[in-house]
Amino acid sequence: MEFLAFIPIMLFLLVSILPLVLFILIIIWIYSIKSNTEKQVAQNERIIQLLQKIDSKG
């Protein structure tokens, strides 16, 4: 029967920690998107340079 008293405590801990875990995961996700966006911008700039180089030859 002592186990049944343990369940509400665990549920309370889970509910209290869950927002923090979700916040951390969202921050990691946003950082990942930002990092990938910066890489994509650099790649796009390189593509534009190459296209301009091809265009100037033709």
N, C-alpha and C. Protein backbone atom coordinates (compact mmCIF):
# COMPACT_ATOMS: atom_id res chain seq x y z
N MET A 1 0.81 -1.20 0.00
CA MET A 1 0.00 0.00 0.00
C MET A 1 0.85 1.27 0.00
N GLU A 2 2.06 1.16 0.47
CA GLU A 2 2.93 2.32 0.46
C GLU A 2 3.26 2.73 -0.98
N PHE A 3 3.22 1.76 -1.86
CA PHE A 3 3.50 2.05 -3.27
C PHE A 3 2.46 3.00 -3.85
N LEU A 4 1.21 2.85 -3.43
CA LEU A 4 0.15 3.72 -3.93
C LEU A 4 0.35 5.17 -3.51
N ALA A 5 0.96 5.40 -2.37
CA ALA A 5 1.25 6.76 -1.92
C ALA A 5 2.40 7.36 -2.73
N PHE A 6 3.21 6.51 -3.31
CA PHE A 6 4.36 6.95 -4.09
C PHE A 6 3.94 7.48 -5.47
N ILE A 7 2.83 6.98 -6.00
CA ILE A 7 2.38 7.35 -7.34
C ILE A 7 2.06 8.84 -7.47
N PRO A 8 1.31 9.45 -6.56
CA PRO A 8 1.05 10.89 -6.72
C PRO A 8 2.31 11.74 -6.65
N ILE A 9 3.27 11.33 -5.84
CA ILE A 9 4.53 12.07 -5.76
C ILE A 9 5.25 12.02 -7.11
N MET A 10 5.30 10.85 -7.71
CA MET A 10 5.96 10.70 -9.01
C MET A 10 5.22 11.51 -10.09
N LEU A 11 3.90 11.48 -10.05
CA LEU A 11 3.13 12.26 -11.03
C LEU A 11 3.39 13.76 -10.85
N PHE A 12 3.46 14.21 -9.61
CA PHE A 12 3.74 15.62 -9.35
C PHE A 12 5.12 16.00 -9.88
N LEU A 13 6.11 15.14 -9.63
CA LEU A 13 7.46 15.43 -10.12
C LEU A 13 7.50 15.45 -11.65
N LEU A 14 6.81 14.51 -12.25
CA LEU A 14 6.77 14.46 -13.72
C LEU A 14 6.12 15.71 -14.30
N VAL A 15 5.01 16.12 -13.72
CA VAL A 15 4.30 17.30 -14.21
C VAL A 15 5.13 18.56 -13.97
N SER A 16 5.88 18.62 -12.87
CA SER A 16 6.67 19.83 -12.61
C SER A 16 7.93 19.89 -13.47
N ILE A 17 8.49 18.78 -13.84
CA ILE A 17 9.73 18.76 -14.63
C ILE A 17 9.42 18.85 -16.13
N LEU A 18 8.26 18.41 -16.53
CA LEU A 18 7.91 18.36 -17.95
C LEU A 18 8.03 19.72 -18.65
N PRO A 19 7.54 20.82 -18.10
CA PRO A 19 7.70 22.11 -18.81
C PRO A 19 9.16 22.50 -19.01
N LEU A 20 10.00 22.22 -18.03
CA LEU A 20 11.42 22.53 -18.16
C LEU A 20 12.06 21.71 -19.28
N VAL A 21 11.73 20.43 -19.33
CA VAL A 21 12.27 19.56 -20.38
C VAL A 21 11.79 20.03 -21.75
N LEU A 22 10.52 20.37 -21.85
CA LEU A 22 9.99 20.86 -23.13
C LEU A 22 10.66 22.17 -23.54
N PHE A 23 10.88 23.06 -22.59
CA PHE A 23 11.54 24.33 -22.88
C PHE A 23 12.95 24.09 -23.41
N ILE A 24 13.69 23.19 -22.78
CA ILE A 24 15.06 22.89 -23.22
C ILE A 24 15.05 22.29 -24.62
N LEU A 25 14.11 21.39 -24.89
CA LEU A 25 14.03 20.78 -26.22
C LEU A 25 13.68 21.82 -27.28
N ILE A 26 12.81 22.75 -26.96
CA ILE A 26 12.44 23.80 -27.91
C ILE A 26 13.63 24.71 -28.19
N ILE A 27 14.40 25.05 -27.17
CA ILE A 27 15.59 25.88 -27.36
C ILE A 27 16.60 25.17 -28.26
N ILE A 28 16.81 23.88 -28.03
CA ILE A 28 17.73 23.10 -28.87
C ILE A 28 17.23 23.08 -30.32
N TRP A 29 15.93 22.91 -30.50
CA TRP A 29 15.34 22.87 -31.83
C TRP A 29 15.52 24.21 -32.55
N ILE A 30 15.28 25.31 -31.85
CA ILE A 30 15.44 26.64 -32.44
C ILE A 30 16.90 26.87 -32.82
N TYR A 31 17.84 26.47 -31.97
CA TYR A 31 19.26 26.63 -32.28
C TYR A 31 19.62 25.82 -33.52
N SER A 32 19.08 24.62 -33.63
CA SER A 32 19.35 23.78 -34.80
C SER A 32 18.83 24.44 -36.07
N ILE A 33 17.65 24.99 -36.02
CA ILE A 33 17.08 25.68 -37.19
C ILE A 33 17.95 26.88 -37.57
N LYS A 34 18.38 27.65 -36.58
CA LYS A 34 19.22 28.83 -36.83
C LYS A 34 20.54 28.42 -37.48
N SER A 35 21.15 27.36 -36.96
CA SER A 35 22.42 26.88 -37.49
C SER A 35 22.26 26.42 -38.94
N ASN A 36 21.21 25.66 -39.20
CA ASN A 36 20.98 25.18 -40.56
C ASN A 36 20.68 26.32 -41.52
N THR A 37 19.99 27.34 -41.05
CA THR A 37 19.68 28.49 -41.88
C THR A 37 20.95 29.23 -42.27
N GLU A 38 21.86 29.40 -41.33
CA GLU A 38 23.12 30.08 -41.64
C GLU A 38 23.92 29.30 -42.68
N LYS A 39 23.93 27.98 -42.56
CA LYS A 39 24.63 27.15 -43.55
C LYS A 39 23.97 27.29 -44.92
N GLN A 40 22.65 27.31 -44.93
CA GLN A 40 21.93 27.41 -46.20
C GLN A 40 22.17 28.76 -46.86
N VAL A 41 22.24 29.82 -46.09
CA VAL A 41 22.52 31.15 -46.64
C VAL A 41 23.91 31.17 -47.27
N ALA A 42 24.89 30.57 -46.60
CA ALA A 42 26.25 30.52 -47.15
C ALA A 42 26.27 29.72 -48.46
N GLN A 43 25.54 28.61 -48.49
CA GLN A 43 25.48 27.81 -49.71
C GLN A 43 24.81 28.59 -50.84
N ASN A 44 23.75 29.30 -50.52
CA ASN A 44 23.05 30.09 -51.55
C ASN A 44 23.94 31.19 -52.09
N GLU A 45 24.71 31.84 -51.23
CA GLU A 45 25.64 32.88 -51.69
C GLU A 45 26.68 32.28 -52.64
N ARG A 46 27.17 31.11 -52.31
CA ARG A 46 28.15 30.43 -53.18
C ARG A 46 27.53 30.08 -54.52
N ILE A 47 26.31 29.60 -54.51
CA ILE A 47 25.61 29.26 -55.75
C ILE A 47 25.43 30.51 -56.61
N ILE A 48 25.06 31.61 -55.99
CA ILE A 48 24.89 32.87 -56.73
C ILE A 48 26.21 33.31 -57.35
N GLN A 49 27.30 33.19 -56.61
CA GLN A 49 28.61 33.55 -57.15
C GLN A 49 28.95 32.69 -58.37
N LEU A 50 28.70 31.39 -58.26
CA LEU A 50 29.00 30.50 -59.38
C LEU A 50 28.12 30.81 -60.59
N LEU A 51 26.85 31.10 -60.35
CA LEU A 51 25.96 31.44 -61.46
C LEU A 51 26.37 32.75 -62.13
N GLN A 52 26.79 33.72 -61.33
CA GLN A 52 27.26 34.98 -61.91
C GLN A 52 28.53 34.77 -62.71
N LYS A 53 29.39 33.88 -62.24
CA LYS A 53 30.63 33.57 -62.97
C LYS A 53 30.30 32.92 -64.31
N ILE A 54 29.34 32.00 -64.32
CA ILE A 54 28.93 31.35 -65.56
C ILE A 54 28.29 32.37 -66.49
N ASP A 55 27.46 33.26 -65.94
CA ASP A 55 26.77 34.27 -66.74
C ASP A 55 27.75 35.25 -67.37
N SER A 56 28.80 35.60 -66.66
CA SER A 56 29.77 36.56 -67.21
C SER A 56 30.60 35.94 -68.33
N LYS A 57 30.76 34.62 -68.32
CA LYS A 57 31.50 33.96 -69.39
C LYS A 57 30.66 33.89 -70.67
N GLY A 58 29.36 33.77 -70.52
CA GLY A 58 28.47 33.57 -71.67
C GLY A 58 28.04 34.84 -72.25
